[in-house]
Amino acid sequence: MQEEITPPQPDYDDPKELYAFFGLAFYKANVLEHGVLNLAVALMAQGNLGVTVDDVNRLYESFDAKTFGHILRVAKERYRFSDEFSRELDKALASRNHLAHGFFKKHDINHMSASGRKKMIDELVEIWTHFAKVDRVMDEYWMSAWEDHGITKDWIDKQMKAYVE
């Protein structure tokens, strides 16, 4: 059973908290984007007998200059998500783009008052929570796809531990 997703809790007492929550939301968008990338690369590598680490690295590098929308299209071309999850992915993409291109413009007046900043932070918490829920599901998809290549959660955990040490 998966543990409940607990969003970060704001204090609303520091004007800089808005920027911290923006950073948290955008970070979570990037985590989700990389999960979609992990799935896309795993699916592109499937069926290629003798795929090497260099081949996989080249696949990852081929996406370096691509947008989240492009990466998501590639994943959707190779994997049939449920209609509901596909809509959740589309909503996440729209939220990511909103953060990158319009969040502060939308809230230009809100930014000037404590109550407005509270409204902005609450929206960011909601966006973060959505990204976290979608990312949790995406993790299951990409980990399953990589298991077909012999890459398991245990193997990933060992690699991460070795990397940290």
N, C-alpha and C. Protein backbone atom coordinates (compact mmCIF):
# COMPACT_ATOMS: atom_id res chain seq x y z
N MET A 1 0.84 -1.19 0.00
CA MET A 1 0.00 0.00 0.00
C MET A 1 0.88 1.25 0.00
N GLN A 2 0.54 2.20 -0.85
CA GLN A 2 1.32 3.42 -0.94
C GLN A 2 0.92 4.38 0.17
N GLU A 3 1.93 5.08 0.67
CA GLU A 3 1.63 6.08 1.70
C GLU A 3 0.97 7.29 1.07
N GLU A 4 0.23 8.00 1.88
CA GLU A 4 -0.48 9.20 1.43
C GLU A 4 0.53 10.28 1.03
N ILE A 5 0.20 11.00 0.00
CA ILE A 5 1.04 12.12 -0.43
C ILE A 5 0.69 13.31 0.45
N THR A 6 1.71 13.81 1.15
CA THR A 6 1.52 14.94 2.05
C THR A 6 2.22 16.16 1.46
N PRO A 7 1.44 17.15 1.06
CA PRO A 7 2.08 18.34 0.48
C PRO A 7 2.80 19.14 1.55
N PRO A 8 3.78 19.91 1.15
CA PRO A 8 4.45 20.79 2.11
C PRO A 8 3.44 21.79 2.67
N GLN A 9 3.60 22.15 3.92
CA GLN A 9 2.65 23.05 4.58
C GLN A 9 3.25 24.45 4.74
N PRO A 10 2.59 25.43 4.17
CA PRO A 10 3.09 26.81 4.28
C PRO A 10 2.78 27.42 5.64
N ASP A 11 3.60 28.39 6.01
CA ASP A 11 3.35 29.20 7.21
C ASP A 11 2.66 30.51 6.84
N TYR A 12 2.85 30.97 5.63
CA TYR A 12 2.30 32.23 5.12
C TYR A 12 2.84 33.45 5.86
N ASP A 13 3.99 33.31 6.51
CA ASP A 13 4.48 34.43 7.31
C ASP A 13 5.67 35.16 6.71
N ASP A 14 6.17 34.70 5.60
CA ASP A 14 7.35 35.31 4.99
C ASP A 14 7.07 35.51 3.51
N PRO A 15 7.21 36.72 3.00
CA PRO A 15 6.96 36.94 1.56
C PRO A 15 7.82 36.06 0.65
N LYS A 16 8.98 35.64 1.14
CA LYS A 16 9.86 34.78 0.33
C LYS A 16 9.33 33.35 0.23
N GLU A 17 8.38 33.00 1.10
CA GLU A 17 7.82 31.64 1.07
C GLU A 17 7.16 31.35 -0.28
N LEU A 18 6.60 32.36 -0.90
CA LEU A 18 6.00 32.21 -2.22
C LEU A 18 7.02 31.62 -3.20
N TYR A 19 8.22 32.15 -3.18
CA TYR A 19 9.25 31.69 -4.13
C TYR A 19 9.71 30.27 -3.78
N ALA A 20 9.73 29.95 -2.51
CA ALA A 20 10.08 28.58 -2.10
C ALA A 20 9.04 27.60 -2.63
N PHE A 21 7.77 27.95 -2.52
CA PHE A 21 6.71 27.05 -3.01
C PHE A 21 6.69 26.99 -4.53
N PHE A 22 7.03 28.09 -5.17
CA PHE A 22 7.15 28.04 -6.63
C PHE A 22 8.27 27.06 -7.00
N GLY A 23 9.39 27.16 -6.31
CA GLY A 23 10.50 26.26 -6.57
C GLY A 23 10.14 24.80 -6.33
N LEU A 24 9.41 24.53 -5.25
CA LEU A 24 8.97 23.16 -4.96
C LEU A 24 8.06 22.62 -6.06
N ALA A 25 7.12 23.45 -6.51
CA ALA A 25 6.19 23.02 -7.56
C ALA A 25 6.94 22.77 -8.86
N PHE A 26 7.84 23.68 -9.22
CA PHE A 26 8.56 23.51 -10.48
C PHE A 26 9.53 22.33 -10.40
N TYR A 27 10.14 22.12 -9.24
CA TYR A 27 10.99 20.95 -9.04
C TYR A 27 10.17 19.67 -9.26
N LYS A 28 8.97 19.61 -8.68
CA LYS A 28 8.15 18.41 -8.82
C LYS A 28 7.74 18.22 -10.28
N ALA A 29 7.54 19.30 -11.01
CA ALA A 29 7.26 19.20 -12.44
C ALA A 29 8.44 18.56 -13.17
N ASN A 30 9.66 18.95 -12.78
CA ASN A 30 10.85 18.38 -13.41
C ASN A 30 11.02 16.90 -13.07
N VAL A 31 10.68 16.53 -11.84
CA VAL A 31 10.75 15.12 -11.44
C VAL A 31 9.79 14.30 -12.29
N LEU A 32 8.57 14.79 -12.46
CA LEU A 32 7.59 14.10 -13.29
C LEU A 32 8.08 14.02 -14.73
N GLU A 33 8.60 15.11 -15.24
CA GLU A 33 9.12 15.11 -16.62
C GLU A 33 10.18 14.04 -16.79
N HIS A 34 11.06 13.89 -15.82
CA HIS A 34 12.10 12.87 -15.94
C HIS A 34 11.51 11.46 -15.85
N GLY A 35 10.45 11.29 -15.08
CA GLY A 35 9.77 10.00 -15.05
C GLY A 35 9.19 9.64 -16.40
N VAL A 36 8.58 10.63 -17.07
CA VAL A 36 8.05 10.40 -18.42
C VAL A 36 9.21 10.09 -19.36
N LEU A 37 10.32 10.79 -19.20
CA LEU A 37 11.50 10.51 -20.02
C LEU A 37 12.02 9.09 -19.78
N ASN A 38 12.05 8.67 -18.52
CA ASN A 38 12.49 7.30 -18.22
C ASN A 38 11.62 6.28 -18.95
N LEU A 39 10.31 6.52 -18.96
CA LEU A 39 9.40 5.61 -19.66
C LEU A 39 9.65 5.65 -21.15
N ALA A 40 9.76 6.83 -21.73
CA ALA A 40 9.97 6.95 -23.17
C ALA A 40 11.24 6.24 -23.60
N VAL A 41 12.32 6.43 -22.87
CA VAL A 41 13.59 5.79 -23.23
C VAL A 41 13.48 4.27 -23.09
N ALA A 42 12.89 3.81 -22.02
CA ALA A 42 12.72 2.36 -21.83
C ALA A 42 11.92 1.76 -22.97
N LEU A 43 10.86 2.43 -23.38
CA LEU A 43 10.02 1.92 -24.47
C LEU A 43 10.76 1.96 -25.80
N MET A 44 11.57 2.99 -26.00
CA MET A 44 12.35 3.07 -27.24
C MET A 44 13.41 1.98 -27.30
N ALA A 45 13.92 1.58 -26.14
CA ALA A 45 14.96 0.55 -26.09
C ALA A 45 14.37 -0.86 -26.21
N GLN A 46 13.08 -1.01 -25.93
CA GLN A 46 12.47 -2.34 -25.98
C GLN A 46 12.53 -2.90 -27.40
N GLY A 47 12.80 -4.19 -27.46
CA GLY A 47 12.85 -4.86 -28.74
C GLY A 47 14.18 -4.72 -29.45
N ASN A 48 15.08 -3.92 -28.91
CA ASN A 48 16.41 -3.77 -29.49
C ASN A 48 17.35 -4.74 -28.82
N LEU A 49 17.55 -5.87 -29.44
CA LEU A 49 18.45 -6.87 -28.87
C LEU A 49 19.86 -6.31 -28.82
N GLY A 50 20.51 -6.53 -27.72
CA GLY A 50 21.88 -6.07 -27.57
C GLY A 50 22.02 -4.59 -27.30
N VAL A 51 20.95 -3.95 -26.81
CA VAL A 51 21.05 -2.53 -26.47
C VAL A 51 22.11 -2.36 -25.38
N THR A 52 22.96 -1.39 -25.56
CA THR A 52 24.07 -1.16 -24.62
C THR A 52 23.81 0.07 -23.76
N VAL A 53 24.63 0.23 -22.74
CA VAL A 53 24.54 1.42 -21.90
C VAL A 53 24.75 2.67 -22.75
N ASP A 54 25.70 2.62 -23.68
CA ASP A 54 25.93 3.77 -24.57
C ASP A 54 24.70 4.08 -25.41
N ASP A 55 24.00 3.03 -25.87
CA ASP A 55 22.77 3.24 -26.64
C ASP A 55 21.73 3.96 -25.79
N VAL A 56 21.58 3.51 -24.55
CA VAL A 56 20.60 4.11 -23.65
C VAL A 56 20.99 5.56 -23.36
N ASN A 57 22.28 5.81 -23.11
CA ASN A 57 22.74 7.18 -22.86
C ASN A 57 22.45 8.08 -24.06
N ARG A 58 22.64 7.55 -25.27
CA ARG A 58 22.35 8.34 -26.46
C ARG A 58 20.85 8.65 -26.56
N LEU A 59 20.02 7.68 -26.17
CA LEU A 59 18.57 7.93 -26.18
C LEU A 59 18.23 9.07 -25.21
N TYR A 60 18.80 9.00 -24.01
CA TYR A 60 18.55 10.09 -23.05
C TYR A 60 19.04 11.42 -23.61
N GLU A 61 20.23 11.44 -24.17
CA GLU A 61 20.80 12.67 -24.70
C GLU A 61 19.98 13.23 -25.86
N SER A 62 19.32 12.35 -26.61
CA SER A 62 18.52 12.82 -27.74
C SER A 62 17.33 13.67 -27.28
N PHE A 63 16.99 13.60 -26.00
CA PHE A 63 15.88 14.38 -25.46
C PHE A 63 16.33 15.63 -24.73
N ASP A 64 17.64 15.88 -24.67
CA ASP A 64 18.16 17.01 -23.89
C ASP A 64 17.50 18.34 -24.22
N ALA A 65 17.29 18.63 -25.48
CA ALA A 65 16.74 19.93 -25.88
C ALA A 65 15.23 19.87 -26.14
N LYS A 66 14.60 18.77 -25.78
CA LYS A 66 13.17 18.60 -26.04
C LYS A 66 12.34 19.11 -24.87
N THR A 67 11.14 19.54 -25.17
CA THR A 67 10.22 20.03 -24.15
C THR A 67 9.50 18.86 -23.48
N PHE A 68 8.90 19.16 -22.35
CA PHE A 68 8.09 18.17 -21.65
C PHE A 68 6.97 17.68 -22.58
N GLY A 69 6.37 18.60 -23.32
CA GLY A 69 5.30 18.22 -24.25
C GLY A 69 5.78 17.23 -25.29
N HIS A 70 6.97 17.44 -25.83
CA HIS A 70 7.52 16.52 -26.83
C HIS A 70 7.78 15.14 -26.20
N ILE A 71 8.38 15.14 -25.03
CA ILE A 71 8.69 13.88 -24.35
C ILE A 71 7.39 13.13 -24.04
N LEU A 72 6.38 13.85 -23.60
CA LEU A 72 5.09 13.23 -23.30
C LEU A 72 4.46 12.64 -24.56
N ARG A 73 4.54 13.35 -25.68
CA ARG A 73 4.01 12.80 -26.95
C ARG A 73 4.70 11.50 -27.32
N VAL A 74 6.02 11.45 -27.16
CA VAL A 74 6.76 10.22 -27.48
C VAL A 74 6.29 9.08 -26.60
N ALA A 75 6.14 9.34 -25.30
CA ALA A 75 5.68 8.29 -24.38
C ALA A 75 4.27 7.83 -24.76
N LYS A 76 3.39 8.77 -25.10
CA LYS A 76 2.02 8.42 -25.45
C LYS A 76 1.95 7.65 -26.78
N GLU A 77 2.88 7.91 -27.68
CA GLU A 77 2.91 7.16 -28.94
C GLU A 77 3.29 5.70 -28.71
N ARG A 78 4.05 5.43 -27.65
CA ARG A 78 4.57 4.10 -27.41
C ARG A 78 3.83 3.34 -26.30
N TYR A 79 2.98 4.04 -25.56
CA TYR A 79 2.30 3.39 -24.44
C TYR A 79 0.85 3.86 -24.41
N ARG A 80 -0.05 2.95 -24.22
CA ARG A 80 -1.48 3.29 -24.16
C ARG A 80 -1.88 3.46 -22.70
N PHE A 81 -1.91 4.71 -22.25
CA PHE A 81 -2.37 5.03 -20.91
C PHE A 81 -3.89 5.00 -20.90
N SER A 82 -4.47 4.82 -19.72
CA SER A 82 -5.91 4.95 -19.60
C SER A 82 -6.28 6.38 -19.98
N ASP A 83 -7.51 6.56 -20.43
CA ASP A 83 -7.96 7.91 -20.79
C ASP A 83 -7.85 8.85 -19.59
N GLU A 84 -8.21 8.34 -18.41
CA GLU A 84 -8.15 9.16 -17.20
C GLU A 84 -6.72 9.59 -16.89
N PHE A 85 -5.77 8.65 -16.95
CA PHE A 85 -4.38 9.01 -16.65
C PHE A 85 -3.80 9.91 -17.74
N SER A 86 -4.19 9.68 -18.97
CA SER A 86 -3.75 10.55 -20.05
C SER A 86 -4.20 11.98 -19.81
N ARG A 87 -5.44 12.15 -19.32
CA ARG A 87 -5.93 13.50 -18.98
C ARG A 87 -5.12 14.10 -17.83
N GLU A 88 -4.77 13.27 -16.85
CA GLU A 88 -3.96 13.75 -15.72
C GLU A 88 -2.57 14.20 -16.20
N LEU A 89 -2.00 13.46 -17.15
CA LEU A 89 -0.71 13.86 -17.72
C LEU A 89 -0.85 15.18 -18.49
N ASP A 90 -1.91 15.32 -19.24
CA ASP A 90 -2.14 16.56 -19.98
C ASP A 90 -2.32 17.74 -19.02
N LYS A 91 -3.04 17.51 -17.93
CA LYS A 91 -3.22 18.56 -16.92
C LYS A 91 -1.88 18.93 -16.30
N ALA A 92 -1.04 17.93 -16.04
CA ALA A 92 0.29 18.19 -15.48
C ALA A 92 1.13 19.01 -16.45
N LEU A 93 1.07 18.67 -17.72
CA LEU A 93 1.80 19.44 -18.73
C LEU A 93 1.30 20.89 -18.75
N ALA A 94 -0.01 21.07 -18.73
CA ALA A 94 -0.57 22.43 -18.74
C ALA A 94 -0.14 23.20 -17.49
N SER A 95 -0.13 22.52 -16.34
CA SER A 95 0.30 23.18 -15.10
C SER A 95 1.78 23.54 -15.16
N ARG A 96 2.58 22.65 -15.69
CA ARG A 96 4.02 22.94 -15.82
C ARG A 96 4.23 24.16 -16.71
N ASN A 97 3.53 24.19 -17.84
CA ASN A 97 3.66 25.32 -18.75
C ASN A 97 3.13 26.61 -18.13
N HIS A 98 2.07 26.49 -17.35
CA HIS A 98 1.54 27.66 -16.63
C HIS A 98 2.59 28.20 -15.67
N LEU A 99 3.25 27.31 -14.94
CA LEU A 99 4.31 27.76 -14.02
C LEU A 99 5.42 28.47 -14.79
N ALA A 100 5.83 27.88 -15.89
CA ALA A 100 6.97 28.41 -16.64
C ALA A 100 6.65 29.70 -17.37
N HIS A 101 5.42 29.84 -17.82
CA HIS A 101 5.13 30.94 -18.74
C HIS A 101 4.08 31.94 -18.29
N GLY A 102 3.31 31.64 -17.23
CA GLY A 102 2.24 32.57 -16.94
C GLY A 102 1.85 32.74 -15.49
N PHE A 103 2.44 31.98 -14.59
CA PHE A 103 2.01 32.02 -13.19
C PHE A 103 2.13 33.42 -12.60
N PHE A 104 3.29 34.02 -12.71
CA PHE A 104 3.49 35.33 -12.09
C PHE A 104 2.74 36.43 -12.84
N LYS A 105 2.57 36.26 -14.13
CA LYS A 105 1.78 37.23 -14.90
C LYS A 105 0.31 37.16 -14.46
N LYS A 106 -0.21 35.95 -14.27
CA LYS A 106 -1.60 35.78 -13.83
C LYS A 106 -1.81 36.41 -12.46
N HIS A 107 -0.79 36.34 -11.62
CA HIS A 107 -0.91 36.79 -10.23
C HIS A 107 -0.21 38.13 -9.97
N ASP A 108 -0.07 38.96 -10.99
CA ASP A 108 0.69 40.20 -10.80
C ASP A 108 0.13 41.06 -9.67
N ILE A 109 -1.18 41.15 -9.54
CA ILE A 109 -1.80 41.94 -8.47
C ILE A 109 -1.73 41.18 -7.14
N ASN A 110 -1.98 39.88 -7.17
CA ASN A 110 -1.94 39.07 -5.94
C ASN A 110 -0.59 39.16 -5.25
N HIS A 111 0.44 39.29 -6.03
CA HIS A 111 1.81 39.32 -5.52
C HIS A 111 2.04 40.48 -4.56
N MET A 112 1.17 41.50 -4.61
CA MET A 112 1.39 42.72 -3.85
C MET A 112 0.78 42.71 -2.45
N SER A 113 0.06 41.66 -2.09
CA SER A 113 -0.56 41.64 -0.76
C SER A 113 -0.38 40.27 -0.11
N ALA A 114 -0.44 40.26 1.22
CA ALA A 114 -0.31 39.00 1.95
C ALA A 114 -1.43 38.03 1.58
N SER A 115 -2.65 38.52 1.45
CA SER A 115 -3.75 37.63 1.08
C SER A 115 -3.59 37.10 -0.35
N GLY A 116 -3.07 37.93 -1.22
CA GLY A 116 -2.81 37.50 -2.59
C GLY A 116 -1.71 36.46 -2.66
N ARG A 117 -0.65 36.68 -1.89
CA ARG A 117 0.45 35.69 -1.86
C ARG A 117 -0.04 34.37 -1.28
N LYS A 118 -0.95 34.43 -0.29
CA LYS A 118 -1.53 33.21 0.26
C LYS A 118 -2.26 32.45 -0.84
N LYS A 119 -3.05 33.16 -1.63
CA LYS A 119 -3.77 32.55 -2.75
C LYS A 119 -2.78 31.88 -3.72
N MET A 120 -1.69 32.57 -4.00
CA MET A 120 -0.67 32.02 -4.91
C MET A 120 -0.04 30.76 -4.33
N ILE A 121 0.31 30.81 -3.05
CA ILE A 121 0.93 29.64 -2.40
C ILE A 121 -0.04 28.47 -2.40
N ASP A 122 -1.31 28.74 -2.10
CA ASP A 122 -2.30 27.66 -2.09
C ASP A 122 -2.41 27.01 -3.47
N GLU A 123 -2.36 27.82 -4.53
CA GLU A 123 -2.38 27.26 -5.89
C GLU A 123 -1.14 26.41 -6.13
N LEU A 124 0.01 26.88 -5.67
CA LEU A 124 1.24 26.13 -5.86
C LEU A 124 1.21 24.80 -5.11
N VAL A 125 0.64 24.79 -3.92
CA VAL A 125 0.51 23.53 -3.15
C VAL A 125 -0.39 22.56 -3.92
N GLU A 126 -1.47 23.08 -4.47
CA GLU A 126 -2.38 22.23 -5.25
C GLU A 126 -1.68 21.66 -6.48
N ILE A 127 -0.91 22.49 -7.18
CA ILE A 127 -0.16 22.03 -8.35
C ILE A 127 0.88 20.99 -7.93
N TRP A 128 1.62 21.26 -6.85
CA TRP A 128 2.62 20.30 -6.35
C TRP A 128 1.96 18.96 -6.06
N THR A 129 0.80 18.99 -5.40
CA THR A 129 0.11 17.76 -5.04
C THR A 129 -0.30 16.97 -6.28
N HIS A 130 -0.77 17.66 -7.29
CA HIS A 130 -1.14 16.97 -8.53
C HIS A 130 0.08 16.34 -9.18
N PHE A 131 1.16 17.10 -9.28
CA PHE A 131 2.39 16.54 -9.85
C PHE A 131 2.83 15.30 -9.06
N ALA A 132 2.78 15.37 -7.74
CA ALA A 132 3.22 14.25 -6.91
C ALA A 132 2.37 13.00 -7.16
N LYS A 133 1.07 13.17 -7.29
CA LYS A 133 0.19 12.03 -7.53
C LYS A 133 0.44 11.42 -8.91
N VAL A 134 0.58 12.26 -9.92
CA VAL A 134 0.83 11.76 -11.27
C VAL A 134 2.21 11.11 -11.33
N ASP A 135 3.19 11.71 -10.67
CA ASP A 135 4.54 11.15 -10.66
C ASP A 135 4.58 9.78 -10.00
N ARG A 136 3.81 9.61 -8.94
CA ARG A 136 3.77 8.31 -8.26
C ARG A 136 3.30 7.22 -9.23
N VAL A 137 2.27 7.51 -10.00
CA VAL A 137 1.77 6.54 -10.99
C VAL A 137 2.81 6.35 -12.10
N MET A 138 3.40 7.46 -12.55
CA MET A 138 4.40 7.36 -13.63
C MET A 138 5.58 6.52 -13.19
N ASP A 139 5.98 6.61 -11.93
CA ASP A 139 7.08 5.78 -11.43
C ASP A 139 6.79 4.30 -11.65
N GLU A 140 5.55 3.90 -11.42
CA GLU A 140 5.18 2.49 -11.62
C GLU A 140 5.32 2.10 -13.09
N TYR A 141 4.91 2.99 -14.00
CA TYR A 141 5.01 2.70 -15.43
C TYR A 141 6.46 2.56 -15.86
N TRP A 142 7.31 3.55 -15.51
CA TRP A 142 8.67 3.48 -16.04
C TRP A 142 9.48 2.39 -15.36
N MET A 143 9.23 2.13 -14.07
CA MET A 143 9.97 1.04 -13.42
C MET A 143 9.58 -0.30 -14.02
N SER A 144 8.33 -0.48 -14.33
CA SER A 144 7.88 -1.71 -14.97
C SER A 144 8.52 -1.87 -16.35
N ALA A 145 8.59 -0.78 -17.11
CA ALA A 145 9.20 -0.84 -18.45
C ALA A 145 10.69 -1.19 -18.36
N TRP A 146 11.38 -0.65 -17.36
CA TRP A 146 12.80 -0.95 -17.22
C TRP A 146 13.04 -2.37 -16.70
N GLU A 147 12.08 -2.92 -15.95
CA GLU A 147 12.23 -4.31 -15.49
C GLU A 147 12.35 -5.26 -16.67
N ASP A 148 11.72 -4.91 -17.79
CA ASP A 148 11.84 -5.73 -19.00
C ASP A 148 13.28 -5.78 -19.50
N HIS A 149 14.10 -4.83 -19.06
CA HIS A 149 15.52 -4.79 -19.43
C HIS A 149 16.41 -5.30 -18.29
N GLY A 150 15.79 -5.83 -17.24
CA GLY A 150 16.56 -6.34 -16.10
C GLY A 150 16.91 -5.28 -15.06
N ILE A 151 16.38 -4.09 -15.22
CA ILE A 151 16.64 -3.00 -14.27
C ILE A 151 15.48 -3.00 -13.27
N THR A 152 15.76 -3.40 -12.04
CA THR A 152 14.72 -3.50 -11.01
C THR A 152 14.85 -2.35 -10.01
N LYS A 153 13.82 -2.20 -9.19
CA LYS A 153 13.85 -1.18 -8.13
C LYS A 153 15.03 -1.44 -7.19
N ASP A 154 15.29 -2.71 -6.85
CA ASP A 154 16.43 -3.03 -5.99
C ASP A 154 17.74 -2.60 -6.63
N TRP A 155 17.89 -2.85 -7.92
CA TRP A 155 19.10 -2.46 -8.63
C TRP A 155 19.26 -0.94 -8.60
N ILE A 156 18.15 -0.23 -8.87
CA ILE A 156 18.18 1.24 -8.85
C ILE A 156 18.55 1.74 -7.46
N ASP A 157 17.94 1.15 -6.42
CA ASP A 157 18.25 1.57 -5.04
C ASP A 157 19.72 1.35 -4.71
N LYS A 158 20.29 0.23 -5.14
CA LYS A 158 21.72 -0.05 -4.89
C LYS A 158 22.59 0.96 -5.63
N GLN A 159 22.22 1.29 -6.86
CA GLN A 159 23.00 2.25 -7.63
C GLN A 159 22.95 3.64 -6.97
N MET A 160 21.77 4.02 -6.50
CA MET A 160 21.62 5.31 -5.84
C MET A 160 22.43 5.35 -4.54
N LYS A 161 22.39 4.27 -3.78
CA LYS A 161 23.14 4.22 -2.54
C LYS A 161 24.64 4.33 -2.82
N ALA A 162 25.12 3.59 -3.82
CA ALA A 162 26.53 3.65 -4.18
C ALA A 162 26.91 5.06 -4.67
N TYR A 163 26.02 5.68 -5.41
CA TYR A 163 26.27 7.03 -5.92
C TYR A 163 26.38 8.03 -4.77
N VAL A 164 25.48 7.91 -3.80
CA VAL A 164 25.49 8.83 -2.65
C VAL A 164 26.74 8.64 -1.81
N GLU A 165 27.15 7.38 -1.63
CA GLU A 165 28.34 7.10 -0.83
C GLU A 165 29.58 7.59 -1.54
